[in-house]
């Protein structure tokens, strides 16, 4: 983050994180409170390590991180991760068509496990299939690697498409209440009208607004081309997670905070990711960028014949003269 962007962020948060001076001592300035928090998020260092670096009490640093992360989300979220509207989806669809050659696609969806220290008294609720404790970060990303919508805090043991279906994001997507644009014909065609969709991997269930690849069994040319096109569009969410963890390395450690505070930390990282990309566009080679966050296991989920037919129509279009 450049200095001018740090100063801009201090100006946005100053009124929220400013504390009152007293006769006993001067309050820690907003700039220092933000600096401590960004250091924690960017390095994943322990509170004890930050205690020696900044000469602040360990409990004081814990309170600063908690309050500032919450202030970052509350202040930046309305501008940098607003509630998706039809205009936002249409703009994202144009980006996917231009950059990924996948028309009527509005986002790529995926979920990752964020490692945490075992919360007291929770049993195996947060214990995932990779044998560690975690919460789930579910996100929809656009073609520029920005997050359009996120859902944070599901139990780590929930490691299949049910996480997405039970999240607020999934309920909106499967329930057709996410302000998606009305169906329209694919470029170069006049009919049929095809719905706007998100793309995901095999862990998700097909729906009228979510496409996933064909099974690897009995693949013919049409299915292979469709899988290639879908994977090309879906990789942007993987790149988003890669950029997120490259900048905010606290997500690569076992976060040793209370569960509610962990949610605030992840929210702050996500909205800061969008903030930094909007100020400093990505220049990394996204094909070489990988994330250390663990994905879901694939789940065997059946889909309706109408949704399968809709996917077949997308697959046929990619081999048609109109594409």
Protein backbone atom coordinates (compact mmCIF):
# COMPACT_ATOMS: atom_id res chain seq x y z
CA UNK A 1 0.00 0.00 0.00
CA UNK A 2 1.45 3.35 -1.02
CA UNK A 3 1.82 6.17 1.50
CA UNK A 4 -0.85 8.32 -0.13
CA UNK A 5 -3.32 5.45 0.04
CA UNK A 6 -2.46 4.83 3.69
CA UNK A 7 -3.08 8.53 4.41
CA UNK A 8 -6.39 8.31 2.53
CA UNK A 9 -7.38 5.33 4.66
CA UNK A 10 -6.45 7.17 7.87
CA UNK A 11 -8.68 10.05 6.78
CA UNK A 12 -11.60 7.69 6.17
CA UNK A 13 -11.25 5.95 9.54
CA UNK A 14 -10.03 8.81 11.74
CA UNK A 15 -13.40 9.79 13.19
CA UNK A 16 -14.27 6.15 13.97
CA UNK A 17 -11.03 4.94 15.62
CA UNK A 18 -10.00 8.21 17.33
CA UNK A 19 -9.85 7.89 21.13
CA UNK A 20 -10.01 10.73 23.67
CA UNK A 21 -6.92 12.05 25.45
CA UNK A 22 -7.01 12.11 29.26
CA UNK A 23 -5.04 13.77 32.03
CA UNK A 24 -3.29 10.47 32.65
CA UNK A 25 -2.01 9.89 29.11
CA UNK A 26 -2.40 10.73 25.45
CA UNK A 27 -4.51 8.42 23.33
CA UNK A 28 -2.90 6.29 20.62
CA UNK A 29 -3.31 8.18 17.34
CA UNK A 30 -5.56 6.84 14.54
CA UNK A 31 -2.53 6.51 12.24
CA UNK A 32 -0.71 4.31 14.75
CA UNK A 33 -3.80 2.22 15.44
CA UNK A 34 -4.21 1.61 11.72
CA UNK A 35 -0.50 0.90 11.30
CA UNK A 36 -0.55 -1.76 14.03
CA UNK A 37 -3.59 -3.40 12.47
CA UNK A 38 -2.18 -3.41 8.94
CA UNK A 39 1.09 -4.85 10.27
CA UNK A 40 -0.85 -7.67 11.91
CA UNK A 41 -2.89 -8.37 8.77
CA UNK A 42 0.04 -8.15 6.37
CA UNK A 43 2.46 -10.35 8.34
CA UNK A 44 0.38 -12.60 10.59
CA UNK A 45 2.80 -11.92 13.45
CA UNK A 46 1.69 -12.70 16.99
CA UNK A 47 0.43 -10.02 19.36
CA UNK A 48 3.55 -10.62 21.46
CA UNK A 49 5.78 -9.82 18.48
CA UNK A 50 3.83 -6.61 17.81
CA UNK A 51 4.13 -5.77 21.50
CA UNK A 52 7.92 -5.56 21.18
CA UNK A 53 7.81 -3.72 17.85
CA UNK A 54 5.39 -0.97 18.84
CA UNK A 55 6.00 -0.87 22.63
CA UNK A 56 2.29 -1.33 23.35
CA UNK A 57 0.63 -3.76 25.74
CA UNK A 58 -0.46 -7.12 24.36
CA UNK A 59 -4.05 -6.64 25.48
CA UNK A 60 -3.98 -3.09 24.06
CA UNK A 61 -2.87 -4.40 20.67
CA UNK A 62 -5.58 -7.06 20.77
CA UNK A 63 -8.22 -4.39 21.36
CA UNK A 64 -6.77 -2.16 18.62
CA UNK A 65 -6.83 -4.98 16.06
CA UNK A 66 -10.39 -5.95 16.96
CA UNK A 67 -11.81 -2.41 16.87
CA UNK A 68 -9.90 -1.28 13.79
CA UNK A 69 -10.78 -4.36 11.72
CA UNK A 70 -14.43 -3.78 12.53
CA UNK A 71 -14.11 -0.09 11.62
CA UNK A 72 -12.38 -0.95 8.32
CA UNK A 73 -15.26 -3.21 7.29
CA UNK A 74 -18.03 -0.85 8.42
CA UNK A 75 -16.43 2.14 6.68
CA UNK A 76 -15.21 0.62 3.41
CA UNK A 77 -17.82 -2.08 2.74
CA UNK A 78 -20.58 0.22 1.39
CA UNK A 79 -18.17 1.60 -1.23
CA UNK A 80 -15.89 -1.33 -2.08
CA UNK A 81 -18.20 -4.36 -1.57
CA UNK A 82 -21.69 -2.90 -2.00
CA UNK A 83 -24.83 -4.98 -2.26
CA UNK A 84 -24.78 -6.28 -5.87
CA UNK A 85 -27.18 -4.52 -8.21
CA UNK A 86 -28.23 -5.26 -11.77
CA UNK A 87 -25.80 -2.60 -13.01
CA UNK A 88 -22.90 -4.24 -11.13
CA UNK A 89 -23.75 -7.66 -12.60
CA UNK A 90 -24.01 -6.27 -16.14
CA UNK A 91 -20.67 -4.48 -15.80
CA UNK A 92 -19.07 -7.69 -14.52
CA UNK A 93 -20.61 -9.64 -17.42
CA UNK A 94 -19.01 -7.25 -19.92
CA UNK A 95 -15.64 -7.79 -18.25
CA UNK A 96 -15.94 -11.59 -18.39
CA UNK A 97 -16.94 -11.50 -22.05
CA UNK A 98 -14.03 -9.20 -22.94
CA UNK A 99 -11.34 -10.83 -20.78
CA UNK A 100 -12.43 -14.48 -20.54
CA UNK A 101 -14.60 -14.97 -23.66
CA UNK A 102 -17.50 -16.27 -21.58
CA UNK A 103 -20.75 -14.38 -22.32
CA UNK A 104 -23.57 -13.99 -19.78
CA UNK A 105 -21.15 -14.75 -16.93
CA UNK A 106 -21.33 -12.34 -14.00
CA UNK A 107 -18.87 -13.90 -11.53
CA UNK A 108 -16.76 -16.84 -10.45
CA UNK A 109 -17.57 -18.48 -7.11
CA UNK A 110 -15.39 -20.54 -4.80
CA UNK A 111 -14.79 -21.18 -1.12
CA UNK A 112 -11.65 -21.56 0.98
CA UNK A 113 -10.78 -22.68 4.48
CA UNK A 114 -9.17 -20.09 6.80
CA UNK A 115 -7.09 -21.78 9.51
CA UNK A 116 -7.86 -20.83 13.12
CA UNK A 117 -6.84 -22.00 16.58
CA UNK A 118 -9.41 -24.35 18.11
CA UNK A 119 -12.18 -22.29 19.74
CA UNK A 120 -12.91 -23.40 23.29
CA UNK A 121 -15.98 -25.56 23.81
CA UNK A 122 -16.79 -26.09 20.12
CA UNK A 123 -15.97 -29.78 19.78
CA UNK A 124 -15.48 -30.72 16.14
CA UNK A 125 -17.65 -27.97 14.60
CA UNK A 126 -14.64 -26.18 13.10
CA UNK A 127 -12.60 -29.36 12.35
CA UNK A 128 -12.35 -29.82 8.58
CA UNK A 129 -11.46 -32.71 6.30
CA UNK A 130 -7.79 -31.57 6.11
CA UNK A 131 -7.50 -32.25 9.86
CA UNK A 132 -7.27 -28.70 11.17
CA UNK A 133 -9.69 -26.09 12.52
CA UNK A 134 -11.05 -23.47 10.14
CA UNK A 135 -13.85 -21.18 9.09
CA UNK A 136 -15.06 -20.88 5.51
CA UNK A 137 -14.61 -17.86 3.25
CA UNK A 138 -17.06 -18.02 0.32
CA UNK A 139 -16.75 -15.39 -2.41
CA UNK A 140 -17.89 -14.33 -5.87
CA UNK A 141 -15.17 -12.50 -7.85
CA UNK A 142 -15.28 -10.45 -11.05
CA UNK A 143 -12.84 -10.65 -13.97
CA UNK A 144 -10.58 -8.02 -12.37
CA UNK A 145 -10.07 -10.20 -9.26
CA UNK A 146 -12.27 -8.02 -7.06
CA UNK A 147 -14.78 -9.61 -4.70
CA UNK A 148 -18.40 -8.85 -5.56
CA UNK A 149 -19.95 -10.71 -2.62
CA UNK A 150 -18.58 -12.67 0.34
CA UNK A 151 -19.91 -14.92 3.08
CA UNK A 152 -17.62 -15.51 6.09
CA UNK A 153 -17.76 -17.70 9.17
CA UNK A 154 -19.30 -21.08 8.25
CA UNK A 155 -18.04 -24.07 10.25
CA UNK A 156 -14.96 -25.73 8.80
CA UNK A 157 -16.52 -29.19 8.99
CA UNK A 158 -19.04 -28.13 6.31
CA UNK A 159 -16.93 -28.80 3.26
CA UNK A 160 -19.25 -29.33 0.30
CA UNK A 161 -21.82 -27.42 -1.71
CA UNK A 162 -24.11 -27.22 1.32
CA UNK A 163 -21.92 -24.42 2.69
CA UNK A 164 -22.74 -22.32 -0.33
CA UNK A 165 -26.41 -23.28 -0.43
CA UNK A 166 -26.87 -22.42 3.25
CA UNK A 167 -24.99 -19.12 3.07
CA UNK A 168 -26.84 -15.86 2.47
CA UNK A 169 -25.08 -15.61 -0.89
CA UNK A 170 -26.14 -19.11 -1.93
CA UNK A 171 -29.75 -18.64 -0.82
CA UNK A 172 -29.95 -15.52 -2.97
CA UNK A 173 -28.29 -17.21 -5.95
CA UNK A 174 -30.27 -20.46 -5.86
CA UNK A 175 -33.44 -18.59 -4.99
CA UNK A 176 -33.07 -16.12 -7.89
CA UNK A 177 -33.18 -13.08 -5.58
CA UNK A 178 -29.75 -11.59 -6.30
CA UNK A 179 -30.82 -8.80 -8.69
CA UNK A 180 -29.52 -10.74 -11.70
CA UNK A 181 -30.31 -9.19 -15.09
CA UNK A 182 -33.14 -10.85 -17.05
CA UNK A 183 -32.16 -13.61 -19.45
CA UNK A 184 -30.88 -12.46 -22.85
CA UNK A 185 -29.64 -14.23 -26.02
CA UNK A 186 -25.94 -14.96 -26.29
CA UNK A 187 -23.94 -12.63 -28.60
CA UNK A 188 -24.60 -13.32 -32.27
CA UNK A 189 -27.88 -15.17 -31.61
CA UNK A 190 -31.51 -14.12 -31.38
CA UNK A 191 -32.78 -17.06 -29.32
CA UNK A 192 -33.06 -18.73 -26.90
CA UNK A 193 -32.73 -16.25 -24.03
CA UNK A 194 -29.99 -17.57 -21.72
CA UNK A 195 -29.77 -16.66 -18.02
CA UNK A 196 -26.84 -14.77 -16.49
CA UNK A 197 -24.72 -17.20 -14.49
CA UNK A 198 -21.84 -17.60 -12.07
CA UNK A 199 -19.26 -20.31 -12.71
CA UNK A 200 -17.88 -22.71 -10.10
CA UNK A 201 -16.07 -26.03 -9.78
CA UNK A 202 -17.37 -29.57 -9.25
CA UNK A 203 -18.13 -28.97 -5.56
CA UNK A 204 -21.23 -26.92 -6.41
CA UNK A 205 -24.65 -27.93 -7.64
CA UNK A 206 -25.90 -26.84 -11.04
CA UNK A 207 -28.66 -24.25 -10.90
CA UNK A 208 -30.24 -21.81 -13.38
CA UNK A 209 -27.65 -19.23 -12.26
CA UNK A 210 -24.62 -21.44 -11.54
CA UNK A 211 -22.62 -23.53 -14.02
CA UNK A 212 -19.98 -26.14 -13.23
CA UNK A 213 -17.78 -28.33 -15.49
CA UNK A 214 -18.84 -31.62 -16.99
CA UNK A 215 -17.66 -34.77 -15.27
CA UNK A 216 -14.31 -36.07 -16.55
CA UNK A 217 -15.97 -39.31 -17.68
CA UNK A 218 -16.98 -39.71 -21.33
CA UNK A 219 -15.82 -36.27 -22.42
CA UNK A 220 -16.28 -35.50 -26.11
CA UNK A 221 -15.08 -32.39 -27.93
CA UNK A 222 -18.06 -30.19 -27.06
CA UNK A 223 -17.75 -30.95 -23.34
CA UNK A 224 -13.97 -30.49 -23.35
CA UNK A 225 -14.28 -27.07 -25.00
CA UNK A 226 -16.96 -26.04 -22.50
CA UNK A 227 -14.81 -27.18 -19.56
CA UNK A 228 -11.88 -25.17 -20.94
CA UNK A 229 -14.00 -22.03 -21.33
CA UNK A 230 -15.52 -22.40 -17.87
CA UNK A 231 -12.14 -23.05 -16.23
CA UNK A 232 -10.70 -19.99 -17.93
CA UNK A 233 -13.48 -17.88 -16.44
CA UNK A 234 -13.38 -19.60 -13.05
CA UNK A 235 -9.64 -19.09 -12.53
CA UNK A 236 -10.21 -15.41 -11.66
CA UNK A 237 -11.58 -16.35 -8.23
CA UNK A 238 -8.52 -18.54 -7.62
CA UNK A 239 -6.33 -15.58 -8.58
CA UNK A 240 -8.35 -13.37 -6.24
CA UNK A 241 -7.63 -15.71 -3.33
CA UNK A 242 -3.97 -15.85 -4.37
CA UNK A 243 -3.64 -12.06 -4.36
CA UNK A 244 -5.56 -11.89 -1.07
CA UNK A 245 -3.19 -14.27 0.73
CA UNK A 246 -0.08 -12.76 -0.89
CA UNK A 247 -0.91 -9.34 0.57
CA UNK A 248 -2.61 -10.30 3.84
CA UNK A 249 -0.52 -13.16 5.18
CA UNK A 250 -2.42 -13.45 8.44
CA UNK A 251 -4.72 -15.73 6.40
CA UNK A 252 -1.84 -18.21 6.02
CA UNK A 253 -1.41 -18.65 9.76
CA UNK A 254 -3.60 -20.23 12.43
CA UNK A 255 -5.37 -17.08 13.68
CA UNK A 256 -5.30 -17.18 17.47
CA UNK A 257 -8.22 -14.90 18.27
CA UNK A 258 -11.84 -15.32 19.32
CA UNK A 259 -14.11 -16.61 16.56
CA UNK A 260 -16.03 -13.32 16.23
CA UNK A 261 -12.76 -11.41 16.00
CA UNK A 262 -11.49 -13.85 13.36
CA UNK A 263 -14.58 -13.03 11.28
CA UNK A 264 -13.76 -9.32 11.62
CA UNK A 265 -10.14 -9.96 10.59
CA UNK A 266 -11.19 -11.84 7.45
CA UNK A 267 -13.76 -9.17 6.59
CA UNK A 268 -11.09 -6.47 6.92
CA UNK A 269 -8.71 -8.42 4.66
CA UNK A 270 -11.39 -8.89 2.00
CA UNK A 271 -12.49 -5.26 1.85
CA UNK A 272 -8.86 -4.06 1.95
CA UNK A 273 -8.17 -6.39 -0.98
CA UNK A 274 -10.79 -4.54 -3.04
CA UNK A 275 -9.56 -1.17 -1.77
CA UNK A 276 -5.94 -1.83 -2.77
CA UNK A 277 -6.87 -3.23 -6.20
CA UNK A 278 -9.04 -0.19 -6.92
CA UNK A 279 -6.12 2.10 -6.03
CA UNK A 280 -3.28 -0.06 -7.37
CA UNK A 281 -4.43 -2.35 -10.24
CA UNK A 282 -3.02 -5.87 -10.29
CA UNK A 283 0.23 -6.26 -12.26
CA UNK A 284 1.07 -9.84 -11.23
CA UNK A 285 0.87 -12.76 -13.66
CA UNK A 286 -2.32 -14.32 -12.38
CA UNK A 287 -1.61 -17.67 -14.03
CA UNK A 288 1.44 -18.09 -11.79
CA UNK A 289 -0.28 -16.91 -8.65
CA UNK A 290 -1.40 -19.66 -6.29
CA UNK A 291 -3.12 -19.70 -2.93
CA UNK A 292 -2.24 -21.83 0.06
CA UNK A 293 -5.84 -21.91 1.24
CA UNK A 294 -7.52 -25.31 1.01
CA UNK A 295 -10.50 -25.81 -1.29
CA UNK A 296 -13.55 -28.00 -0.80
CA UNK A 297 -13.90 -31.66 -1.51
CA UNK A 298 -16.08 -32.39 -4.51
CA UNK A 299 -19.57 -33.56 -3.65
CA UNK A 300 -21.79 -35.82 -5.73
CA UNK A 301 -24.86 -33.68 -6.32
CA UNK A 302 -27.62 -34.37 -8.84
CA UNK A 303 -29.03 -31.62 -11.03
CA UNK A 304 -32.36 -31.23 -12.79
CA UNK A 305 -32.69 -32.04 -16.48
CA UNK A 306 -33.66 -28.45 -17.38
CA UNK A 307 -30.48 -27.05 -15.81
CA UNK A 308 -28.38 -29.72 -17.52
CA UNK A 309 -29.99 -28.79 -20.84
CA UNK A 310 -29.14 -25.13 -20.21
CA UNK A 311 -25.48 -26.08 -19.70
CA UNK A 312 -25.58 -28.08 -22.95
CA UNK A 313 -26.82 -24.98 -24.78
CA UNK A 314 -23.83 -23.01 -23.49
CA UNK A 315 -21.53 -25.85 -24.60
CA UNK A 316 -23.02 -25.96 -28.12
CA UNK A 317 -22.68 -22.18 -28.44
CA UNK A 318 -18.89 -22.32 -27.89
CA UNK A 319 -18.56 -24.51 -31.02
CA UNK A 320 -21.06 -22.56 -33.13
CA UNK A 321 -20.12 -20.02 -35.85
CA UNK A 322 -21.65 -17.27 -33.67
CA UNK A 323 -18.96 -17.55 -31.02
